[in-house]
Amino acid sequence: MNSLVWKIYAGLIGTATTLAAQKGLTVVWEIITGEEPPEPGDPDTPLHLAVTWAAASAIGVGTAQLLTNRGLLKRMRKALNDDTLTRF
C-alpha cells in the first residue's frame, strides 16, 4: 500500500479506536459509579465529577490512540519496508 492509502487507513482506524475507547470508558464509569458519565460542561455537574470524568476520558482515549498509532506505524513500516518512518 502506498503512503496515502495508509493515511486514510490510519484515519479510519483512529476514528474507530476513539469511538470504541469512549464507549468502553462510558461502560466502565457506569459499572463503577452506577450512573451515566457526567456532562463536564454543565454548571450543575459537581466540579469533582466533571474533572474526574474529563481526566479519565483524556487518559483512556489518549492511551488508546497512542497504542493504535504505534501499532499502525509498525505495520506501515513493515509494509513499505521503510524503518525510518516516524509518522503517517
PDB file of N, CA and C in Angstrom:
ATOM      1  N   MET A   1       0.852  -1.183   0.000  1.00  0.00           N
ATOM      2  CA  MET A   1       0.000   0.000   0.000  1.00  0.00           C
ATOM      3  C   MET A   1       0.891   1.237   0.000  1.00  0.00           C
ATOM      4  N   ASN A   2       0.424   2.256  -0.678  1.00  0.00           N
ATOM      5  CA  ASN A   2       1.227   3.492  -0.678  1.00  0.00           C
ATOM      6  C   ASN A   2       0.892   4.348   0.539  1.00  0.00           C
ATOM      7  N   SER A   3       1.645   5.403   0.691  1.00  0.00           N
ATOM      8  CA  SER A   3       1.537   6.246   1.885  1.00  0.00           C
ATOM      9  C   SER A   3       0.147   6.871   2.041  1.00  0.00           C
ATOM     10  N   LEU A   4      -0.470   7.314   0.953  1.00  0.00           N
ATOM     11  CA  LEU A   4      -1.794   7.940   1.025  1.00  0.00           C
ATOM     12  C   LEU A   4      -2.838   6.947   1.522  1.00  0.00           C
ATOM     13  N   VAL A   5      -2.776   5.734   1.025  1.00  0.00           N
ATOM     14  CA  VAL A   5      -3.724   4.703   1.466  1.00  0.00           C
ATOM     15  C   VAL A   5      -3.533   4.432   2.950  1.00  0.00           C
ATOM     16  N   TRP A   6      -2.276   4.396   3.399  1.00  0.00           N
ATOM     17  CA  TRP A   6      -2.006   4.191   4.818  1.00  0.00           C
ATOM     18  C   TRP A   6      -2.565   5.333   5.658  1.00  0.00           C
ATOM     19  N   LYS A   7      -2.475   6.553   5.166  1.00  0.00           N
ATOM     20  CA  LYS A   7      -3.014   7.697   5.906  1.00  0.00           C
ATOM     21  C   LYS A   7      -4.528   7.592   6.048  1.00  0.00           C
ATOM     22  N   ILE A   8      -5.189   7.192   4.984  1.00  0.00           N
ATOM     23  CA  ILE A   8      -6.649   7.011   5.026  1.00  0.00           C
ATOM     24  C   ILE A   8      -6.999   5.877   5.988  1.00  0.00           C
ATOM     25  N   TYR A   9      -6.276   4.774   5.868  1.00  0.00           N
ATOM     26  CA  TYR A   9      -6.475   3.624   6.745  1.00  0.00           C
ATOM     27  C   TYR A   9      -6.274   4.019   8.207  1.00  0.00           C
ATOM     28  N   ALA A  10      -5.213   4.750   8.472  1.00  0.00           N
ATOM     29  CA  ALA A  10      -4.918   5.195   9.842  1.00  0.00           C
ATOM     30  C   ALA A  10      -6.028   6.096  10.372  1.00  0.00           C
ATOM     31  N   GLY A  11      -6.557   6.965   9.534  1.00  0.00           N
ATOM     32  CA  GLY A  11      -7.650   7.841   9.952  1.00  0.00           C
ATOM     33  C   GLY A  11      -8.897   7.066  10.319  1.00  0.00           C
ATOM     34  N   LEU A  12      -9.215   6.063   9.513  1.00  0.00           N
ATOM     35  CA  LEU A  12     -10.400   5.240   9.794  1.00  0.00           C
ATOM     36  C   LEU A  12     -10.211   4.414  11.064  1.00  0.00           C
ATOM     37  N   ILE A  13      -9.046   3.800  11.196  1.00  0.00           N
ATOM     38  CA  ILE A  13      -8.769   3.002  12.390  1.00  0.00           C
ATOM     39  C   ILE A  13      -8.727   3.903  13.628  1.00  0.00           C
ATOM     40  N   GLY A  14      -8.139   5.081  13.492  1.00  0.00           N
ATOM     41  CA  GLY A  14      -8.079   6.019  14.607  1.00  0.00           C
ATOM     42  C   GLY A  14      -9.455   6.452  15.070  1.00  0.00           C
ATOM     43  N   THR A  15     -10.328   6.714  14.122  1.00  0.00           N
ATOM     44  CA  THR A  15     -11.701   7.102  14.454  1.00  0.00           C
ATOM     45  C   THR A  15     -12.422   5.963  15.175  1.00  0.00           C
ATOM     46  N   ALA A  16     -12.293   4.754  14.638  1.00  0.00           N
ATOM     47  CA  ALA A  16     -12.943   3.595  15.256  1.00  0.00           C
ATOM     48  C   ALA A  16     -12.398   3.355  16.663  1.00  0.00           C
ATOM     49  N   THR A  17     -11.091   3.504  16.818  1.00  0.00           N
ATOM     50  CA  THR A  17     -10.473   3.311  18.128  1.00  0.00           C
ATOM     51  C   THR A  17     -10.989   4.331  19.131  1.00  0.00           C
ATOM     52  N   THR A  18     -11.075   5.588  18.716  1.00  0.00           N
ATOM     53  CA  THR A  18     -11.556   6.646  19.606  1.00  0.00           C
ATOM     54  C   THR A  18     -13.000   6.386  20.032  1.00  0.00           C
ATOM     55  N   LEU A  19     -13.839   6.015  19.087  1.00  0.00           N
ATOM     56  CA  LEU A  19     -15.237   5.731  19.411  1.00  0.00           C
ATOM     57  C   LEU A  19     -15.354   4.538  20.364  1.00  0.00           C
ATOM     58  N   ALA A  20     -14.571   3.495  20.106  1.00  0.00           N
ATOM     59  CA  ALA A  20     -14.601   2.316  20.974  1.00  0.00           C
ATOM     60  C   ALA A  20     -14.092   2.653  22.371  1.00  0.00           C
ATOM     61  N   ALA A  21     -13.036   3.458  22.453  1.00  0.00           N
ATOM     62  CA  ALA A  21     -12.493   3.850  23.758  1.00  0.00           C
ATOM     63  C   ALA A  21     -13.512   4.668  24.542  1.00  0.00           C
ATOM     64  N   GLN A  22     -14.188   5.594  23.868  1.00  0.00           N
ATOM     65  CA  GLN A  22     -15.202   6.402  24.541  1.00  0.00           C
ATOM     66  C   GLN A  22     -16.344   5.531  25.057  1.00  0.00           C
ATOM     67  N   LYS A  23     -16.774   4.589  24.243  1.00  0.00           N
ATOM     68  CA  LYS A  23     -17.855   3.684  24.655  1.00  0.00           C
ATOM     69  C   LYS A  23     -17.397   2.831  25.832  1.00  0.00           C
ATOM     70  N   GLY A  24     -16.180   2.307  25.746  1.00  0.00           N
ATOM     71  CA  GLY A  24     -15.645   1.496  26.836  1.00  0.00           C
ATOM     72  C   GLY A  24     -15.531   2.273  28.129  1.00  0.00           C
ATOM     73  N   LEU A  25     -15.060   3.510  28.035  1.00  0.00           N
ATOM     74  CA  LEU A  25     -14.949   4.355  29.230  1.00  0.00           C
ATOM     75  C   LEU A  25     -16.316   4.617  29.843  1.00  0.00           C
ATOM     76  N   THR A  26     -17.301   4.845  29.006  1.00  0.00           N
ATOM     77  CA  THR A  26     -18.663   5.074  29.487  1.00  0.00           C
ATOM     78  C   THR A  26     -19.176   3.850  30.241  1.00  0.00           C
ATOM     79  N   VAL A  27     -18.953   2.676  29.669  1.00  0.00           N
ATOM     80  CA  VAL A  27     -19.405   1.439  30.312  1.00  0.00           C
ATOM     81  C   VAL A  27     -18.702   1.245  31.657  1.00  0.00           C
ATOM     82  N   VAL A  28     -17.392   1.456  31.683  1.00  0.00           N
ATOM     83  CA  VAL A  28     -16.637   1.299  32.940  1.00  0.00           C
ATOM     84  C   VAL A  28     -17.125   2.298  33.980  1.00  0.00           C
ATOM     85  N   TRP A  29     -17.358   3.539  33.563  1.00  0.00           N
ATOM     86  CA  TRP A  29     -17.865   4.557  34.502  1.00  0.00           C
ATOM     87  C   TRP A  29     -19.200   4.110  35.087  1.00  0.00           C
ATOM     88  N   GLU A  30     -20.082   3.622  34.226  1.00  0.00           N
ATOM     89  CA  GLU A  30     -21.403   3.197  34.691  1.00  0.00           C
ATOM     90  C   GLU A  30     -21.309   2.000  35.638  1.00  0.00           C
ATOM     91  N   ILE A  31     -20.376   1.089  35.372  1.00  0.00           N
ATOM     92  CA  ILE A  31     -20.194  -0.063  36.258  1.00  0.00           C
ATOM     93  C   ILE A  31     -19.683   0.399  37.624  1.00  0.00           C
ATOM     94  N   ILE A  32     -18.705   1.290  37.612  1.00  0.00           N
ATOM     95  CA  ILE A  32     -18.090   1.738  38.863  1.00  0.00           C
ATOM     96  C   ILE A  32     -19.021   2.629  39.678  1.00  0.00           C
ATOM     97  N   THR A  33     -19.680   3.577  39.005  1.00  0.00           N
ATOM     98  CA  THR A  33     -20.491   4.557  39.743  1.00  0.00           C
ATOM     99  C   THR A  33     -21.973   4.208  39.797  1.00  0.00           C
ATOM    100  N   GLY A  34     -22.437   3.382  38.871  1.00  0.00           N
ATOM    101  CA  GLY A  34     -23.862   3.084  38.792  1.00  0.00           C
ATOM    102  C   GLY A  34     -24.655   4.193  38.119  1.00  0.00           C
ATOM    103  N   GLU A  35     -23.967   5.188  37.574  1.00  0.00           N
ATOM    104  CA  GLU A  35     -24.618   6.323  36.914  1.00  0.00           C
ATOM    105  C   GLU A  35     -23.978   6.577  35.551  1.00  0.00           C
ATOM    106  N   GLU A  36     -24.692   7.329  34.719  1.00  0.00           N
ATOM    107  CA  GLU A  36     -24.123   7.752  33.435  1.00  0.00           C
ATOM    108  C   GLU A  36     -23.011   8.766  33.696  1.00  0.00           C
ATOM    109  N   PRO A  37     -22.061   8.853  32.782  1.00  0.00           N
ATOM    110  CA  PRO A  37     -20.998   9.850  32.966  1.00  0.00           C
ATOM    111  C   PRO A  37     -21.579  11.261  33.020  1.00  0.00           C
ATOM    112  N   PRO A  38     -20.944  12.131  33.788  1.00  0.00           N
ATOM    113  CA  PRO A  38     -21.448  13.498  33.891  1.00  0.00           C
ATOM    114  C   PRO A  38     -21.155  14.294  32.621  1.00  0.00           C
ATOM    115  N   GLU A  39     -21.847  15.381  32.483  1.00  0.00           N
ATOM    116  CA  GLU A  39     -21.582  16.329  31.391  1.00  0.00           C
ATOM    117  C   GLU A  39     -20.647  17.392  31.967  1.00  0.00           C
ATOM    118  N   PRO A  40     -19.355  17.349  31.640  1.00  0.00           N
ATOM    119  CA  PRO A  40     -18.397  18.260  32.275  1.00  0.00           C
ATOM    120  C   PRO A  40     -18.696  19.743  32.067  1.00  0.00           C
ATOM    121  N   GLY A  41     -19.285  20.092  30.950  1.00  0.00           N
ATOM    122  CA  GLY A  41     -19.558  21.498  30.672  1.00  0.00           C
ATOM    123  C   GLY A  41     -20.797  22.046  31.358  1.00  0.00           C
ATOM    124  N   ASP A  42     -21.593  21.172  31.955  1.00  0.00           N
ATOM    125  CA  ASP A  42     -22.819  21.590  32.633  1.00  0.00           C
ATOM    126  C   ASP A  42     -22.471  22.196  33.989  1.00  0.00           C
ATOM    127  N   PRO A  43     -22.848  23.458  34.225  1.00  0.00           N
ATOM    128  CA  PRO A  43     -22.518  24.084  35.508  1.00  0.00           C
ATOM    129  C   PRO A  43     -23.181  23.409  36.707  1.00  0.00           C
ATOM    130  N   ASP A  44     -24.210  22.615  36.482  1.00  0.00           N
ATOM    131  CA  ASP A  44     -24.869  21.899  37.572  1.00  0.00           C
ATOM    132  C   ASP A  44     -24.131  20.610  37.962  1.00  0.00           C
ATOM    133  N   THR A  45     -23.187  20.177  37.117  1.00  0.00           N
ATOM    134  CA  THR A  45     -22.389  18.990  37.431  1.00  0.00           C
ATOM    135  C   THR A  45     -21.363  19.363  38.493  1.00  0.00           C
ATOM    136  N   PRO A  46     -21.299  18.596  39.571  1.00  0.00           N
ATOM    137  CA  PRO A  46     -20.285  18.892  40.589  1.00  0.00           C
ATOM    138  C   PRO A  46     -18.880  18.892  39.964  1.00  0.00           C
ATOM    139  N   LEU A  47     -18.080  19.847  40.387  1.00  0.00           N
ATOM    140  CA  LEU A  47     -16.759  20.024  39.788  1.00  0.00           C
ATOM    141  C   LEU A  47     -15.905  18.771  39.903  1.00  0.00           C
ATOM    142  N   HIS A  48     -15.937  18.098  41.030  1.00  0.00           N
ATOM    143  CA  HIS A  48     -15.094  16.908  41.185  1.00  0.00           C
ATOM    144  C   HIS A  48     -15.469  15.805  40.206  1.00  0.00           C
ATOM    145  N   LEU A  49     -16.761  15.669  39.899  1.00  0.00           N
ATOM    146  CA  LEU A  49     -17.185  14.671  38.912  1.00  0.00           C
ATOM    147  C   LEU A  49     -16.791  15.091  37.500  1.00  0.00           C
ATOM    148  N   ALA A  50     -16.937  16.364  37.196  1.00  0.00           N
ATOM    149  CA  ALA A  50     -16.561  16.859  35.868  1.00  0.00           C
ATOM    150  C   ALA A  50     -15.072  16.660  35.613  1.00  0.00           C
ATOM    151  N   VAL A  51     -14.254  16.989  36.609  1.00  0.00           N
ATOM    152  CA  VAL A  51     -12.802  16.849  36.460  1.00  0.00           C
ATOM    153  C   VAL A  51     -12.412  15.379  36.376  1.00  0.00           C
ATOM    154  N   THR A  52     -13.019  14.551  37.202  1.00  0.00           N
ATOM    155  CA  THR A  52     -12.704  13.119  37.188  1.00  0.00           C
ATOM    156  C   THR A  52     -13.054  12.504  35.837  1.00  0.00           C
ATOM    157  N   TRP A  53     -14.227  12.816  35.316  1.00  0.00           N
ATOM    158  CA  TRP A  53     -14.645  12.274  34.030  1.00  0.00           C
ATOM    159  C   TRP A  53     -13.742  12.797  32.907  1.00  0.00           C
ATOM    160  N   ALA A  54     -13.426  14.082  32.926  1.00  0.00           N
ATOM    161  CA  ALA A  54     -12.566  14.656  31.886  1.00  0.00           C
ATOM    162  C   ALA A  54     -11.181  14.005  31.919  1.00  0.00           C
ATOM    163  N   ALA A  55     -10.633  13.807  33.106  1.00  0.00           N
ATOM    164  CA  ALA A  55      -9.309  13.186  33.224  1.00  0.00           C
ATOM    165  C   ALA A  55      -9.342  11.727  32.776  1.00  0.00           C
ATOM    166  N   ALA A  56     -10.348  10.993  33.207  1.00  0.00           N
ATOM    167  CA  ALA A  56     -10.465   9.585  32.813  1.00  0.00           C
ATOM    168  C   ALA A  56     -10.628   9.460  31.299  1.00  0.00           C
ATOM    169  N   SER A  57     -11.438  10.336  30.724  1.00  0.00           N
ATOM    170  CA  SER A  57     -11.644  10.313  29.274  1.00  0.00           C
ATOM    171  C   SER A  57     -10.354  10.630  28.529  1.00  0.00           C
ATOM    172  N   ALA A  58      -9.658  11.653  28.983  1.00  0.00           N
ATOM    173  CA  ALA A  58      -8.417  12.051  28.313  1.00  0.00           C
ATOM    174  C   ALA A  58      -7.374  10.945  28.390  1.00  0.00           C
ATOM    175  N   ILE A  59      -7.219  10.352  29.546  1.00  0.00           N
ATOM    176  CA  ILE A  59      -6.230   9.283  29.698  1.00  0.00           C
ATOM    177  C   ILE A  59      -6.628   8.055  28.880  1.00  0.00           C
ATOM    178  N   GLY A  60      -7.882   7.672  28.957  1.00  0.00           N
ATOM    179  CA  GLY A  60      -8.346   6.481  28.232  1.00  0.00           C
ATOM    180  C   GLY A  60      -8.260   6.628  26.729  1.00  0.00           C
ATOM    181  N   VAL A  61      -8.793   7.712  26.203  1.00  0.00           N
ATOM    182  CA  VAL A  61      -8.783   7.925  24.755  1.00  0.00           C
ATOM    183  C   VAL A  61      -7.357   8.182  24.273  1.00  0.00           C
ATOM    184  N   GLY A  62      -6.597   8.966  25.015  1.00  0.00           N
ATOM    185  CA  GLY A  62      -5.220   9.242  24.624  1.00  0.00           C
ATOM    186  C   GLY A  62      -4.375   7.985  24.567  1.00  0.00           C
ATOM    187  N   THR A  63      -4.532   7.114  25.549  1.00  0.00           N
ATOM    188  CA  THR A  63      -3.786   5.861  25.566  1.00  0.00           C
ATOM    189  C   THR A  63      -4.193   4.966  24.401  1.00  0.00           C
ATOM    190  N   ALA A  64      -5.481   4.878  24.132  1.00  0.00           N
ATOM    191  CA  ALA A  64      -5.959   4.066  23.003  1.00  0.00           C
ATOM    192  C   ALA A  64      -5.398   4.592  21.684  1.00  0.00           C
ATOM    193  N   GLN A  65      -5.395   5.903  21.506  1.00  0.00           N
ATOM    194  CA  GLN A  65      -4.866   6.487  20.279  1.00  0.00           C
ATOM    195  C   GLN A  65      -3.362   6.258  20.155  1.00  0.00           C
ATOM    196  N   LEU A  66      -2.641   6.409  21.255  1.00  0.00           N
ATOM    197  CA  LEU A  66      -1.199   6.183  21.253  1.00  0.00           C
ATOM    198  C   LEU A  66      -0.874   4.751  20.832  1.00  0.00           C
ATOM    199  N   LEU A  67      -1.530   3.791  21.449  1.00  0.00           N
ATOM    200  CA  LEU A  67      -1.270   2.395  21.135  1.00  0.00           C
ATOM    201  C   LEU A  67      -1.655   2.058  19.701  1.00  0.00           C
ATOM    202  N   THR A  68      -2.765   2.614  19.239  1.00  0.00           N
ATOM    203  CA  THR A  68      -3.192   2.380  17.867  1.00  0.00           C
ATOM    204  C   THR A  68      -2.194   2.964  16.885  1.00  0.00           C
ATOM    205  N   ASN A  69      -1.772   4.199  17.101  1.00  0.00           N
ATOM    206  CA  ASN A  69      -0.814   4.829  16.194  1.00  0.00           C
ATOM    207  C   ASN A  69       0.508   4.087  16.150  1.00  0.00           C
ATOM    208  N   ARG A  70       0.986   3.639  17.299  1.00  0.00           N
ATOM    209  CA  ARG A  70       2.242   2.884  17.339  1.00  0.00           C
ATOM    210  C   ARG A  70       2.110   1.577  16.566  1.00  0.00           C
ATOM    211  N   GLY A  71       1.005   0.886  16.766  1.00  0.00           N
ATOM    212  CA  GLY A  71       0.784  -0.369  16.051  1.00  0.00           C
ATOM    213  C   GLY A  71       0.661  -0.170  14.552  1.00  0.00           C
ATOM    214  N   LEU A  72      -0.078   0.860  14.159  1.00  0.00           N
ATOM    215  CA  LEU A  72      -0.227   1.133  12.730  1.00  0.00           C
ATOM    216  C   LEU A  72       1.098   1.530  12.094  1.00  0.00           C
ATOM    217  N   LEU A  73       1.889   2.308  12.793  1.00  0.00           N
ATOM    218  CA  LEU A  73       3.174   2.722  12.244  1.00  0.00           C
ATOM    219  C   LEU A  73       4.104   1.519  12.058  1.00  0.00           C
ATOM    220  N   LYS A  74       4.071   0.586  13.000  1.00  0.00           N
ATOM    221  CA  LYS A  74       4.873  -0.628  12.845  1.00  0.00           C
ATOM    222  C   LYS A  74       4.446  -1.404  11.602  1.00  0.00           C
ATOM    223  N   ARG A  75       3.128  -1.527  11.414  1.00  0.00           N
ATOM    224  CA  ARG A  75       2.619  -2.235  10.228  1.00  0.00           C
ATOM    225  C   ARG A  75       2.979  -1.489   8.957  1.00  0.00           C
ATOM    226  N   MET A  76       2.883  -0.159   9.008  1.00  0.00           N
ATOM    227  CA  MET A  76       3.208   0.651   7.832  1.00  0.00           C
ATOM    228  C   MET A  76       4.683   0.522   7.476  1.00  0.00           C
ATOM    229  N   ARG A  77       5.547   0.565   8.475  1.00  0.00           N
ATOM    230  CA  ARG A  77       6.990   0.406   8.232  1.00  0.00           C
ATOM    231  C   ARG A  77       7.278  -0.929   7.558  1.00  0.00           C
ATOM    232  N   LYS A  78       6.645  -1.968   8.069  1.00  0.00           N
ATOM    233  CA  LYS A  78       6.869  -3.307   7.513  1.00  0.00           C
ATOM    234  C   LYS A  78       6.336  -3.402   6.084  1.00  0.00           C
ATOM    235  N   ALA A  79       5.144  -2.891   5.848  1.00  0.00           N
ATOM    236  CA  ALA A  79       4.526  -2.982   4.525  1.00  0.00           C
ATOM    237  C   ALA A  79       5.282  -2.174   3.481  1.00  0.00           C
ATOM    238  N   LEU A  80       5.788  -1.001   3.882  1.00  0.00           N
ATOM    239  CA  LEU A  80       6.509  -0.140   2.942  1.00  0.00           C
ATOM    240  C   LEU A  80       8.019  -0.394   2.974  1.00  0.00           C
ATOM    241  N   ASN A  81       8.443  -1.304   3.863  1.00  0.00           N
ATOM    242  CA  ASN A  81       9.855  -1.627   4.009  1.00  0.00           C
ATOM    243  C   ASN A  81      10.684  -0.367   4.248  1.00  0.00           C
ATOM    244  N   ASP A  82      10.232   0.442   5.201  1.00  0.00           N
ATOM    245  CA  ASP A  82      10.888   1.712   5.498  1.00  0.00           C
ATOM    246  C   ASP A  82      10.910   1.921   7.015  1.00  0.00           C
ATOM    247  N   ASP A  83      12.036   1.589   7.636  1.00  0.00           N
ATOM    248  CA  ASP A  83      12.162   1.717   9.086  1.00  0.00           C
ATOM    249  C   ASP A  83      12.400   3.144   9.552  1.00  0.00           C
ATOM    250  N   THR A  84      12.490   4.090   8.624  1.00  0.00           N
ATOM    251  CA  THR A  84      12.745   5.482   9.013  1.00  0.00           C
ATOM    252  C   THR A  84      11.467   6.266   9.268  1.00  0.00           C
ATOM    253  N   LEU A  85      10.312   5.699   8.905  1.00  0.00           N
ATOM    254  CA  LEU A  85       9.048   6.411   9.115  1.00  0.00           C
ATOM    255  C   LEU A  85       8.796   6.633  10.597  1.00  0.00           C
ATOM    256  N   THR A  86       8.416   7.848  10.945  1.00  0.00           N
ATOM    257  CA  THR A  86       8.103   8.149  12.340  1.00  0.00           C
ATOM    258  C   THR A  86       6.687   8.657  12.522  1.00  0.00           C
ATOM    259  N   ARG A  87       5.981   8.882  11.433  1.00  0.00           N
ATOM    260  CA  ARG A  87       4.574   9.293  11.488  1.00  0.00           C
ATOM    261  C   ARG A  87       3.915   9.020  10.152  1.00  0.00           C
ATOM    262  N   PHE A  88       2.589   9.145  10.144  1.00  0.00           N
ATOM    263  CA  PHE A  88       1.820   8.874   8.929  1.00  0.00           C
ATOM    264  C   PHE A  88       1.941  10.006   7.950  1.00  0.00           C
TER     265      PHE A  88
END
